[in-house]
Amino acid sequence: MQAEVSAVTADAPVERAVRRMHTDGVRRVPVVDADGRLVGLFAVDDAIQLLASELAGVAEAVRAQFPADLAPEHALPAH
C-alpha cells in the first residue's frame, strides 16, 4: 500500500492518468480540481472504454476509405 496518494487534475490529458496508473502500479487514480479537492476517480475501465471508442472510430474511417476491400467476399478465411 502506498503511503502517499498521487492524483491528476481534472484538466489533465487521459494519457497522464494512464501513465500515473502505470507508474504507481494502481488501477485507479484520484482526479482533483485546481484546489486539490477530489472530483472523481479515473479507472482502468474508463481508459479501456475510451480506447475502444477511439478504435471504433478508426475502424469506421478505414471502412469508409476502403469499402470494397473490406467487403465480406474479401475477408480472410477463418481457421
PDB file of N, CA and C in Angstrom:
ATOM      1  N   MET A   1       0.840  -1.175   0.000  1.00  0.00           N
ATOM      2  CA  MET A   1       0.000   0.000   0.000  1.00  0.00           C
ATOM      3  C   MET A   1       0.891   1.246   0.000  1.00  0.00           C
ATOM      4  N   GLN A   2       0.499   2.218  -0.808  1.00  0.00           N
ATOM      5  CA  GLN A   2       1.259   3.455  -0.897  1.00  0.00           C
ATOM      6  C   GLN A   2       0.987   4.369   0.287  1.00  0.00           C
ATOM      7  N   ALA A   3       2.029   5.034   0.781  1.00  0.00           N
ATOM      8  CA  ALA A   3       1.850   5.982   1.871  1.00  0.00           C
ATOM      9  C   ALA A   3       1.300   7.304   1.344  1.00  0.00           C
ATOM     10  N   GLU A   4       1.639   7.632   0.110  1.00  0.00           N
ATOM     11  CA  GLU A   4       1.203   8.893  -0.488  1.00  0.00           C
ATOM     12  C   GLU A   4       0.360   8.605  -1.724  1.00  0.00           C
ATOM     13  N   VAL A   5      -0.728   9.312  -1.854  1.00  0.00           N
ATOM     14  CA  VAL A   5      -1.619   9.136  -2.999  1.00  0.00           C
ATOM     15  C   VAL A   5      -1.307  10.216  -4.026  1.00  0.00           C
ATOM     16  N   SER A   6      -1.060   9.798  -5.257  1.00  0.00           N
ATOM     17  CA  SER A   6      -0.850  10.785  -6.306  1.00  0.00           C
ATOM     18  C   SER A   6      -2.124  10.902  -7.121  1.00  0.00           C
ATOM     19  N   ALA A   7      -2.395  12.092  -7.597  1.00  0.00           N
ATOM     20  CA  ALA A   7      -3.633  12.370  -8.312  1.00  0.00           C
ATOM     21  C   ALA A   7      -3.321  13.102  -9.610  1.00  0.00           C
ATOM     22  N   VAL A   8      -4.332  13.226 -10.444  1.00  0.00           N
ATOM     23  CA  VAL A   8      -4.238  14.047 -11.654  1.00  0.00           C
ATOM     24  C   VAL A   8      -5.314  15.120 -11.564  1.00  0.00           C
ATOM     25  N   THR A   9      -5.073  16.223 -12.231  1.00  0.00           N
ATOM     26  CA  THR A   9      -6.075  17.287 -12.237  1.00  0.00           C
ATOM     27  C   THR A   9      -7.142  16.980 -13.279  1.00  0.00           C
ATOM     28  N   ALA A  10      -8.300  17.571 -13.078  1.00  0.00           N
ATOM     29  CA  ALA A  10      -9.439  17.317 -13.957  1.00  0.00           C
ATOM     30  C   ALA A  10      -9.168  17.727 -15.400  1.00  0.00           C
ATOM     31  N   ASP A  11      -8.253  18.679 -15.614  1.00  0.00           N
ATOM     32  CA  ASP A  11      -7.965  19.123 -16.972  1.00  0.00           C
ATOM     33  C   ASP A  11      -6.765  18.395 -17.596  1.00  0.00           C
ATOM     34  N   ALA A  12      -6.228  17.410 -16.892  1.00  0.00           N
ATOM     35  CA  ALA A  12      -5.082  16.651 -17.405  1.00  0.00           C
ATOM     36  C   ALA A  12      -5.526  15.744 -18.548  1.00  0.00           C
ATOM     37  N   PRO A  13      -4.645  15.524 -19.516  1.00  0.00           N
ATOM     38  CA  PRO A  13      -4.989  14.583 -20.587  1.00  0.00           C
ATOM     39  C   PRO A  13      -5.095  13.154 -20.045  1.00  0.00           C
ATOM     40  N   VAL A  14      -5.880  12.356 -20.702  1.00  0.00           N
ATOM     41  CA  VAL A  14      -6.079  10.959 -20.303  1.00  0.00           C
ATOM     42  C   VAL A  14      -4.739  10.233 -20.217  1.00  0.00           C
ATOM     43  N   GLU A  15      -3.842  10.547 -21.128  1.00  0.00           N
ATOM     44  CA  GLU A  15      -2.539   9.878 -21.143  1.00  0.00           C
ATOM     45  C   GLU A  15      -1.802  10.050 -19.808  1.00  0.00           C
ATOM     46  N   ARG A  16      -1.949  11.205 -19.190  1.00  0.00           N
ATOM     47  CA  ARG A  16      -1.284  11.452 -17.910  1.00  0.00           C
ATOM     48  C   ARG A  16      -1.858  10.541 -16.822  1.00  0.00           C
ATOM     49  N   ALA A  17      -3.169  10.368 -16.827  1.00  0.00           N
ATOM     50  CA  ALA A  17      -3.792   9.490 -15.832  1.00  0.00           C
ATOM     51  C   ALA A  17      -3.349   8.042 -16.042  1.00  0.00           C
ATOM     52  N   VAL A  18      -3.287   7.621 -17.295  1.00  0.00           N
ATOM     53  CA  VAL A  18      -2.862   6.251 -17.593  1.00  0.00           C
ATOM     54  C   VAL A  18      -1.398   6.061 -17.189  1.00  0.00           C
ATOM     55  N   ARG A  19      -0.558   7.042 -17.508  1.00  0.00           N
ATOM     56  CA  ARG A  19       0.851   6.972 -17.126  1.00  0.00           C
ATOM     57  C   ARG A  19       0.998   6.897 -15.604  1.00  0.00           C
ATOM     58  N   ARG A  20       0.198   7.674 -14.893  1.00  0.00           N
ATOM     59  CA  ARG A  20       0.245   7.672 -13.429  1.00  0.00           C
ATOM     60  C   ARG A  20      -0.142   6.293 -12.894  1.00  0.00           C
ATOM     61  N   MET A  21      -1.185   5.697 -13.450  1.00  0.00           N
ATOM     62  CA  MET A  21      -1.589   4.359 -13.007  1.00  0.00           C
ATOM     63  C   MET A  21      -0.459   3.358 -13.243  1.00  0.00           C
ATOM     64  N   HIS A  22       0.178   3.453 -14.406  1.00  0.00           N
ATOM     65  CA  HIS A  22       1.276   2.540 -14.732  1.00  0.00           C
ATOM     66  C   HIS A  22       2.449   2.744 -13.768  1.00  0.00           C
ATOM     67  N   THR A  23       2.849   3.990 -13.581  1.00  0.00           N
ATOM     68  CA  THR A  23       3.984   4.306 -12.716  1.00  0.00           C
ATOM     69  C   THR A  23       3.736   3.872 -11.277  1.00  0.00           C
ATOM     70  N   ASP A  24       2.531   4.132 -10.786  1.00  0.00           N
ATOM     71  CA  ASP A  24       2.209   3.822  -9.389  1.00  0.00           C
ATOM     72  C   ASP A  24       1.736   2.382  -9.193  1.00  0.00           C
ATOM     73  N   GLY A  25       1.484   1.664 -10.290  1.00  0.00           N
ATOM     74  CA  GLY A  25       1.012   0.287 -10.173  1.00  0.00           C
ATOM     75  C   GLY A  25      -0.370   0.177  -9.577  1.00  0.00           C
ATOM     76  N   VAL A  26      -1.257   1.098  -9.987  1.00  0.00           N
ATOM     77  CA  VAL A  26      -2.628   1.105  -9.469  1.00  0.00           C
ATOM     78  C   VAL A  26      -3.626   1.047 -10.624  1.00  0.00           C
ATOM     79  N   ARG A  27      -4.852   0.693 -10.303  1.00  0.00           N
ATOM     80  CA  ARG A  27      -5.908   0.605 -11.319  1.00  0.00           C
ATOM     81  C   ARG A  27      -6.833   1.816 -11.320  1.00  0.00           C
ATOM     82  N   ARG A  28      -6.674   2.678 -10.322  1.00  0.00           N
ATOM     83  CA  ARG A  28      -7.498   3.882 -10.220  1.00  0.00           C
ATOM     84  C   ARG A  28      -6.625   5.034  -9.767  1.00  0.00           C
ATOM     85  N   VAL A  29      -6.955   6.222 -10.255  1.00  0.00           N
ATOM     86  CA  VAL A  29      -6.223   7.413  -9.822  1.00  0.00           C
ATOM     87  C   VAL A  29      -7.243   8.502  -9.485  1.00  0.00           C
ATOM     88  N   PRO A  30      -7.065   9.172  -8.349  1.00  0.00           N
ATOM     89  CA  PRO A  30      -7.981  10.255  -7.991  1.00  0.00           C
ATOM     90  C   PRO A  30      -7.849  11.428  -8.968  1.00  0.00           C
ATOM     91  N   VAL A  31      -8.962  12.080  -9.215  1.00  0.00           N
ATOM     92  CA  VAL A  31      -8.993  13.279 -10.054  1.00  0.00           C
ATOM     93  C   VAL A  31      -9.382  14.437  -9.143  1.00  0.00           C
ATOM     94  N   VAL A  32      -8.561  15.497  -9.172  1.00  0.00           N
ATOM     95  CA  VAL A  32      -8.796  16.637  -8.290  1.00  0.00           C
ATOM     96  C   VAL A  32      -8.981  17.918  -9.101  1.00  0.00           C
ATOM     97  N   ASP A  33      -9.626  18.902  -8.483  1.00  0.00           N
ATOM     98  CA  ASP A  33      -9.788  20.198  -9.138  1.00  0.00           C
ATOM     99  C   ASP A  33      -8.560  21.064  -8.861  1.00  0.00           C
ATOM    100  N   ALA A  34      -8.601  22.299  -9.310  1.00  0.00           N
ATOM    101  CA  ALA A  34      -7.453  23.208  -9.159  1.00  0.00           C
ATOM    102  C   ALA A  34      -7.091  23.459  -7.699  1.00  0.00           C
ATOM    103  N   ASP A  35      -8.053  23.288  -6.787  1.00  0.00           N
ATOM    104  CA  ASP A  35      -7.807  23.494  -5.354  1.00  0.00           C
ATOM    105  C   ASP A  35      -7.388  22.206  -4.645  1.00  0.00           C
ATOM    106  N   GLY A  36      -7.245  21.126  -5.410  1.00  0.00           N
ATOM    107  CA  GLY A  36      -6.839  19.861  -4.810  1.00  0.00           C
ATOM    108  C   GLY A  36      -7.973  19.055  -4.210  1.00  0.00           C
ATOM    109  N   ARG A  37      -9.217  19.459  -4.467  1.00  0.00           N
ATOM    110  CA  ARG A  37     -10.378  18.719  -3.941  1.00  0.00           C
ATOM    111  C   ARG A  37     -10.731  17.576  -4.884  1.00  0.00           C
ATOM    112  N   LEU A  38     -11.056  16.453  -4.305  1.00  0.00           N
ATOM    113  CA  LEU A  38     -11.432  15.276  -5.076  1.00  0.00           C
ATOM    114  C   LEU A  38     -12.712  15.541  -5.869  1.00  0.00           C
ATOM    115  N   VAL A  39     -12.659  15.296  -7.177  1.00  0.00           N
ATOM    116  CA  VAL A  39     -13.856  15.458  -8.016  1.00  0.00           C
ATOM    117  C   VAL A  39     -14.238  14.156  -8.714  1.00  0.00           C
ATOM    118  N   GLY A  40     -13.388  13.129  -8.582  1.00  0.00           N
ATOM    119  CA  GLY A  40     -13.718  11.851  -9.194  1.00  0.00           C
ATOM    120  C   GLY A  40     -12.555  10.883  -9.159  1.00  0.00           C
ATOM    121  N   LEU A  41     -12.773   9.737  -9.786  1.00  0.00           N
ATOM    122  CA  LEU A  41     -11.748   8.715  -9.933  1.00  0.00           C
ATOM    123  C   LEU A  41     -11.676   8.328 -11.401  1.00  0.00           C
ATOM    124  N   PHE A  42     -10.484   8.086 -11.884  1.00  0.00           N
ATOM    125  CA  PHE A  42     -10.306   7.578 -13.247  1.00  0.00           C
ATOM    126  C   PHE A  42      -9.760   6.171 -13.100  1.00  0.00           C
ATOM    127  N   ALA A  43     -10.436   5.205 -13.699  1.00  0.00           N
ATOM    128  CA  ALA A  43     -10.072   3.800 -13.546  1.00  0.00           C
ATOM    129  C   ALA A  43      -9.614   3.205 -14.869  1.00  0.00           C
ATOM    130  N   VAL A  44      -8.947   2.073 -14.767  1.00  0.00           N
ATOM    131  CA  VAL A  44      -8.515   1.340 -15.960  1.00  0.00           C
ATOM    132  C   VAL A  44      -9.706   1.089 -16.871  1.00  0.00           C
ATOM    133  N   ASP A  45     -10.846   0.754 -16.297  1.00  0.00           N
ATOM    134  CA  ASP A  45     -12.046   0.509 -17.103  1.00  0.00           C
ATOM    135  C   ASP A  45     -12.425   1.736 -17.925  1.00  0.00           C
ATOM    136  N   ASP A  46     -12.235   2.919 -17.363  1.00  0.00           N
ATOM    137  CA  ASP A  46     -12.514   4.155 -18.099  1.00  0.00           C
ATOM    138  C   ASP A  46     -11.566   4.286 -19.288  1.00  0.00           C
ATOM    139  N   ALA A  47     -10.301   3.976 -19.071  1.00  0.00           N
ATOM    140  CA  ALA A  47      -9.311   4.050 -20.146  1.00  0.00           C
ATOM    141  C   ALA A  47      -9.643   3.059 -21.252  1.00  0.00           C
ATOM    142  N   ILE A  48     -10.040   1.849 -20.881  1.00  0.00           N
ATOM    143  CA  ILE A  48     -10.390   0.828 -21.875  1.00  0.00           C
ATOM    144  C   ILE A  48     -11.608   1.263 -22.672  1.00  0.00           C
ATOM    145  N   GLN A  49     -12.583   1.824 -22.006  1.00  0.00           N
ATOM    146  CA  GLN A  49     -13.791   2.295 -22.687  1.00  0.00           C
ATOM    147  C   GLN A  49     -13.461   3.412 -23.682  1.00  0.00           C
ATOM    148  N   LEU A  50     -12.607   4.343 -23.286  1.00  0.00           N
ATOM    149  CA  LEU A  50     -12.188   5.416 -24.194  1.00  0.00           C
ATOM    150  C   LEU A  50     -11.415   4.863 -25.386  1.00  0.00           C
ATOM    151  N   LEU A  51     -10.513   3.931 -25.122  1.00  0.00           N
ATOM    152  CA  LEU A  51      -9.721   3.333 -26.189  1.00  0.00           C
ATOM    153  C   LEU A  51     -10.615   2.570 -27.169  1.00  0.00           C
ATOM    154  N   ALA A  52     -11.569   1.822 -26.659  1.00  0.00           N
ATOM    155  CA  ALA A  52     -12.493   1.084 -27.521  1.00  0.00           C
ATOM    156  C   ALA A  52     -13.277   2.037 -28.413  1.00  0.00           C
ATOM    157  N   SER A  53     -13.704   3.149 -27.856  1.00  0.00           N
ATOM    158  CA  SER A  53     -14.442   4.146 -28.630  1.00  0.00           C
ATOM    159  C   SER A  53     -13.565   4.742 -29.731  1.00  0.00           C
ATOM    160  N   GLU A  54     -12.308   5.060 -29.385  1.00  0.00           N
ATOM    161  CA  GLU A  54     -11.378   5.612 -30.378  1.00  0.00           C
ATOM    162  C   GLU A  54     -11.089   4.594 -31.482  1.00  0.00           C
ATOM    163  N   LEU A  55     -10.889   3.336 -31.113  1.00  0.00           N
ATOM    164  CA  LEU A  55     -10.621   2.300 -32.105  1.00  0.00           C
ATOM    165  C   LEU A  55     -11.823   2.073 -33.024  1.00  0.00           C
ATOM    166  N   ALA A  56     -13.015   2.180 -32.475  1.00  0.00           N
ATOM    167  CA  ALA A  56     -14.215   2.051 -33.302  1.00  0.00           C
ATOM    168  C   ALA A  56     -14.263   3.174 -34.326  1.00  0.00           C
ATOM    169  N   GLY A  57     -13.867   4.375 -33.923  1.00  0.00           N
ATOM    170  CA  GLY A  57     -13.817   5.498 -34.858  1.00  0.00           C
ATOM    171  C   GLY A  57     -12.787   5.282 -35.953  1.00  0.00           C
ATOM    172  N   VAL A  58     -11.639   4.727 -35.596  1.00  0.00           N
ATOM    173  CA  VAL A  58     -10.603   4.422 -36.590  1.00  0.00           C
ATOM    174  C   VAL A  58     -11.110   3.366 -37.558  1.00  0.00           C
ATOM    175  N   ALA A  59     -11.735   2.335 -37.041  1.00  0.00           N
ATOM    176  CA  ALA A  59     -12.268   1.273 -37.895  1.00  0.00           C
ATOM    177  C   ALA A  59     -13.315   1.825 -38.868  1.00  0.00           C
ATOM    178  N   GLU A  60     -14.147   2.709 -38.390  1.00  0.00           N
ATOM    179  CA  GLU A  60     -15.166   3.318 -39.252  1.00  0.00           C
ATOM    180  C   GLU A  60     -14.517   4.150 -40.348  1.00  0.00           C
ATOM    181  N   ALA A  61     -13.471   4.882 -40.017  1.00  0.00           N
ATOM    182  CA  ALA A  61     -12.760   5.688 -41.016  1.00  0.00           C
ATOM    183  C   ALA A  61     -12.127   4.791 -42.077  1.00  0.00           C
ATOM    184  N   VAL A  62     -11.561   3.666 -41.652  1.00  0.00           N
ATOM    185  CA  VAL A  62     -10.958   2.728 -42.610  1.00  0.00           C
ATOM    186  C   VAL A  62     -12.035   2.138 -43.507  1.00  0.00           C
ATOM    187  N   ARG A  63     -13.155   1.746 -42.918  1.00  0.00           N
ATOM    188  CA  ARG A  63     -14.263   1.192 -43.712  1.00  0.00           C
ATOM    189  C   ARG A  63     -14.745   2.197 -44.753  1.00  0.00           C
ATOM    190  N   ALA A  64     -14.837   3.454 -44.369  1.00  0.00           N
ATOM    191  CA  ALA A  64     -15.314   4.489 -45.291  1.00  0.00           C
ATOM    192  C   ALA A  64     -14.309   4.727 -46.416  1.00  0.00           C
ATOM    193  N   GLN A  65     -13.032   4.581 -46.118  1.00  0.00           N
ATOM    194  CA  GLN A  65     -11.991   4.834 -47.110  1.00  0.00           C
ATOM    195  C   GLN A  65     -11.827   3.666 -48.078  1.00  0.00           C
ATOM    196  N   PHE A  66     -12.004   2.455 -47.597  1.00  0.00           N
ATOM    197  CA  PHE A  66     -11.778   1.265 -48.423  1.00  0.00           C
ATOM    198  C   PHE A  66     -12.962   0.302 -48.352  1.00  0.00           C
ATOM    199  N   PRO A  67     -14.156   0.733 -48.726  1.00  0.00           N
ATOM    200  CA  PRO A  67     -15.326  -0.144 -48.552  1.00  0.00           C
ATOM    201  C   PRO A  67     -15.241  -1.434 -49.359  1.00  0.00           C
ATOM    202  N   ALA A  68     -14.735  -1.400 -50.591  1.00  0.00           N
ATOM    203  CA  ALA A  68     -14.679  -2.613 -51.420  1.00  0.00           C
ATOM    204  C   ALA A  68     -13.683  -3.618 -50.846  1.00  0.00           C
ATOM    205  N   ASP A  69     -12.578  -3.143 -50.322  1.00  0.00           N
ATOM    206  CA  ASP A  69     -11.566  -4.038 -49.772  1.00  0.00           C
ATOM    207  C   ASP A  69     -12.048  -4.761 -48.519  1.00  0.00           C
ATOM    208  N   LEU A  70     -13.006  -4.168 -47.827  1.00  0.00           N
ATOM    209  CA  LEU A  70     -13.481  -4.757 -46.585  1.00  0.00           C
ATOM    210  C   LEU A  70     -14.804  -5.496 -46.746  1.00  0.00           C
ATOM    211  N   ALA A  71     -15.223  -5.692 -47.970  1.00  0.00           N
ATOM    212  CA  ALA A  71     -16.473  -6.416 -48.230  1.00  0.00           C
ATOM    213  C   ALA A  71     -16.292  -7.879 -47.772  1.00  0.00           C
ATOM    214  N   PRO A  72     -17.378  -8.542 -47.374  1.00  0.00           N
ATOM    215  CA  PRO A  72     -17.276  -9.918 -46.866  1.00  0.00           C
ATOM    216  C   PRO A  72     -16.561 -10.874 -47.806  1.00  0.00           C
ATOM    217  N   GLU A  73     -16.722 -10.690 -49.101  1.00  0.00           N
ATOM    218  CA  GLU A  73     -16.062 -11.622 -50.034  1.00  0.00           C
ATOM    219  C   GLU A  73     -14.542 -11.465 -50.038  1.00  0.00           C
ATOM    220  N   HIS A  74     -14.027 -10.403 -49.452  1.00  0.00           N
ATOM    221  CA  HIS A  74     -12.578 -10.181 -49.365  1.00  0.00           C
ATOM    222  C   HIS A  74     -12.014 -10.581 -47.995  1.00  0.00           C
ATOM    223  N   ALA A  75     -12.854 -11.087 -47.136  1.00  0.00           N
ATOM    224  CA  ALA A  75     -12.409 -11.434 -45.776  1.00  0.00           C
ATOM    225  C   ALA A  75     -11.469 -12.625 -45.816  1.00  0.00           C
ATOM    226  N   LEU A  76     -10.555 -12.658 -44.862  1.00  0.00           N
ATOM    227  CA  LEU A  76      -9.638 -13.800 -44.726  1.00  0.00           C
ATOM    228  C   LEU A  76     -10.416 -14.987 -44.218  1.00  0.00           C
ATOM    229  N   PRO A  77     -10.061 -16.186 -44.679  1.00  0.00           N
ATOM    230  CA  PRO A  77     -10.781 -17.364 -44.205  1.00  0.00           C
ATOM    231  C   PRO A  77     -10.493 -17.624 -42.719  1.00  0.00           C
ATOM    232  N   ALA A  78     -11.493 -18.117 -42.015  1.00  0.00           N
ATOM    233  CA  ALA A  78     -11.337 -18.461 -40.605  1.00  0.00           C
ATOM    234  C   ALA A  78     -10.609 -19.790 -40.495  1.00  0.00           C
ATOM    235  N   HIS A  79      -9.811 -19.929 -39.451  1.00  0.00           N
ATOM    236  CA  HIS A  79      -9.064 -21.185 -39.262  1.00  0.00           C
ATOM    237  C   HIS A  79      -9.717 -22.033 -38.230  1.00  0.00           C
TER     238      HIS A  79
END
